[in-house]
Structures are given as C-alpha cells and as structure tokens.
Amino acid sequence: MPGVHRVASLLKRWILGTRQRSVTSDHLQAYLEALTFRFNRRTSASRGFVFRRLLEQNAVTGPVTEAQVIHGYNW
C-alpha cells in the first residue's frame, strides 16, 4: 500500500502548505479534484501540451457556478 500512503502524504502536505490549513468541507471536492489533476500529471513530459488541452477544455465547457463548486460538478 505504498501508493495509498504516498497520495495521503501528498494530500496532507498540500493542505498544510498550499492551502495553509484553510480547507473547508464546502470546497473539499474541488480541492481533491485539483490535487488529482496535479498528481496525475506530475510526470508529464509535455507540460505545454497539458496547458493547451486545458485551454481547449475551457473553450468547450460552459461556465461553472458557485453552487457547482460547492456541491460538486457533475462531469
């Protein structure tokens, strides 16, 4: 189970460092999705391509409301 421990330690370090312990339960799902995105692309050799794909997704996806951020976004 080293992979599970690695992800848990990264999550704890991210919450303590980047978020400075200001994680609320209302936004927890959005925080976890952001961390998952970063974790899945940590070894990507083509970071420019990832940014380009993000821009493409942004162009075809509609706006996200505050309620969707708080209560989760239905992908």
C-alpha atoms as a PDB file:
ATOM      1  CA  MET A   1       0.000   0.000   0.000  1.00  0.00           C
ATOM      2  CA  PRO A   2       2.860   2.438  -0.561  1.00  0.00           C
ATOM      3  CA  GLY A   3       0.858   4.206  -3.284  1.00  0.00           C
ATOM      4  CA  VAL A   4      -2.017   4.955  -0.901  1.00  0.00           C
ATOM      5  CA  HIS A   5       0.391   6.315   1.689  1.00  0.00           C
ATOM      6  CA  ARG A   6       2.127   8.447  -0.932  1.00  0.00           C
ATOM      7  CA  VAL A   7      -1.161  10.023  -2.030  1.00  0.00           C
ATOM      8  CA  ALA A   8      -2.243  10.584   1.594  1.00  0.00           C
ATOM      9  CA  SER A   9       1.051  12.240   2.485  1.00  0.00           C
ATOM     10  CA  LEU A  10       0.889  14.451  -0.624  1.00  0.00           C
ATOM     11  CA  LEU A  11      -2.650  15.464   0.306  1.00  0.00           C
ATOM     12  CA  LYS A  12      -1.608  16.343   3.860  1.00  0.00           C
ATOM     13  CA  ARG A  13       1.427  18.289   2.683  1.00  0.00           C
ATOM     14  CA  TRP A  14      -0.667  20.159   0.095  1.00  0.00           C
ATOM     15  CA  ILE A  15      -3.309  21.087   2.672  1.00  0.00           C
ATOM     16  CA  LEU A  16      -0.727  22.251   5.195  1.00  0.00           C
ATOM     17  CA  GLY A  17       1.446  24.060   2.665  1.00  0.00           C
ATOM     18  CA  THR A  18      -0.522  25.406  -0.269  1.00  0.00           C
ATOM     19  CA  ARG A  19      -3.904  25.747   1.384  1.00  0.00           C
ATOM     20  CA  GLN A  20      -2.394  26.763   4.763  1.00  0.00           C
ATOM     21  CA  ARG A  21      -4.952  24.666   6.664  1.00  0.00           C
ATOM     22  CA  SER A  22      -7.875  26.625   5.199  1.00  0.00           C
ATOM     23  CA  VAL A  23      -9.725  23.692   3.654  1.00  0.00           C
ATOM     24  CA  THR A  24     -13.462  23.793   4.246  1.00  0.00           C
ATOM     25  CA  SER A  25     -15.839  20.913   3.757  1.00  0.00           C
ATOM     26  CA  ASP A  26     -17.861  23.007   1.293  1.00  0.00           C
ATOM     27  CA  HIS A  27     -14.963  23.120  -1.177  1.00  0.00           C
ATOM     28  CA  LEU A  28     -13.291  19.791  -0.357  1.00  0.00           C
ATOM     29  CA  GLN A  29     -14.401  18.097  -3.587  1.00  0.00           C
ATOM     30  CA  ALA A  30     -12.955  20.906  -5.715  1.00  0.00           C
ATOM     31  CA  TYR A  31      -9.681  20.745  -3.754  1.00  0.00           C
ATOM     32  CA  LEU A  32      -9.453  16.987  -4.248  1.00  0.00           C
ATOM     33  CA  GLU A  33     -10.126  17.313  -7.971  1.00  0.00           C
ATOM     34  CA  ALA A  34      -7.364  19.919  -8.291  1.00  0.00           C
ATOM     35  CA  LEU A  35      -4.951  17.706  -6.384  1.00  0.00           C
ATOM     36  CA  THR A  36      -5.904  14.702  -8.510  1.00  0.00           C
ATOM     37  CA  PHE A  37      -5.267  16.709 -11.670  1.00  0.00           C
ATOM     38  CA  ARG A  38      -1.827  17.759 -10.431  1.00  0.00           C
ATOM     39  CA  PHE A  39      -0.958  14.266  -9.192  1.00  0.00           C
ATOM     40  CA  ASN A  40      -1.907  12.573 -12.471  1.00  0.00           C
ATOM     41  CA  ARG A  41       0.217  14.971 -14.488  1.00  0.00           C
ATOM     42  CA  ARG A  42       3.274  15.148 -12.210  1.00  0.00           C
ATOM     43  CA  THR A  43       5.491  13.168 -14.598  1.00  0.00           C
ATOM     44  CA  SER A  44       4.160  14.627 -17.839  1.00  0.00           C
ATOM     45  CA  ALA A  45       6.976  15.368 -20.258  1.00  0.00           C
ATOM     46  CA  SER A  46       4.918  17.798 -22.322  1.00  0.00           C
ATOM     47  CA  ARG A  47       3.567  20.366 -19.886  1.00  0.00           C
ATOM     48  CA  GLY A  48       2.849  22.803 -22.716  1.00  0.00           C
ATOM     49  CA  PHE A  49       0.521  20.261 -24.292  1.00  0.00           C
ATOM     50  CA  VAL A  50      -1.307  19.824 -20.982  1.00  0.00           C
ATOM     51  CA  PHE A  51      -1.824  23.601 -20.784  1.00  0.00           C
ATOM     52  CA  ARG A  52      -3.088  23.636 -24.370  1.00  0.00           C
ATOM     53  CA  ARG A  53      -5.584  20.846 -23.566  1.00  0.00           C
ATOM     54  CA  LEU A  54      -6.771  22.841 -20.550  1.00  0.00           C
ATOM     55  CA  LEU A  55      -7.407  25.854 -22.766  1.00  0.00           C
ATOM     56  CA  GLU A  56      -9.297  23.672 -25.247  1.00  0.00           C
ATOM     57  CA  GLN A  57     -11.445  22.198 -22.463  1.00  0.00           C
ATOM     58  CA  ASN A  58     -12.120  25.692 -21.158  1.00  0.00           C
ATOM     59  CA  ALA A  59     -13.302  26.808 -24.589  1.00  0.00           C
ATOM     60  CA  VAL A  60     -15.864  23.995 -24.971  1.00  0.00           C
ATOM     61  CA  THR A  61     -17.065  23.844 -21.357  1.00  0.00           C
ATOM     62  CA  GLY A  62     -19.720  26.185 -20.069  1.00  0.00           C
ATOM     63  CA  PRO A  63     -19.293  28.356 -17.002  1.00  0.00           C
ATOM     64  CA  VAL A  64     -19.226  26.722 -13.579  1.00  0.00           C
ATOM     65  CA  THR A  65     -21.470  28.279 -10.954  1.00  0.00           C
ATOM     66  CA  GLU A  66     -20.668  28.687  -7.283  1.00  0.00           C
ATOM     67  CA  ALA A  67     -23.260  26.037  -6.396  1.00  0.00           C
ATOM     68  CA  GLN A  68     -21.493  23.537  -8.666  1.00  0.00           C
ATOM     69  CA  VAL A  69     -18.164  24.286  -6.998  1.00  0.00           C
ATOM     70  CA  ILE A  70     -19.601  23.911  -3.506  1.00  0.00           C
ATOM     71  CA  HIS A  71     -21.800  20.862  -4.129  1.00  0.00           C
ATOM     72  CA  GLY A  72     -19.685  19.138  -6.776  1.00  0.00           C
ATOM     73  CA  TYR A  73     -19.650  19.300 -10.523  1.00  0.00           C
ATOM     74  CA  ASN A  74     -21.433  16.566 -12.469  1.00  0.00           C
ATOM     75  CA  TRP A  75     -18.872  15.557 -15.090  1.00  0.00           C
END
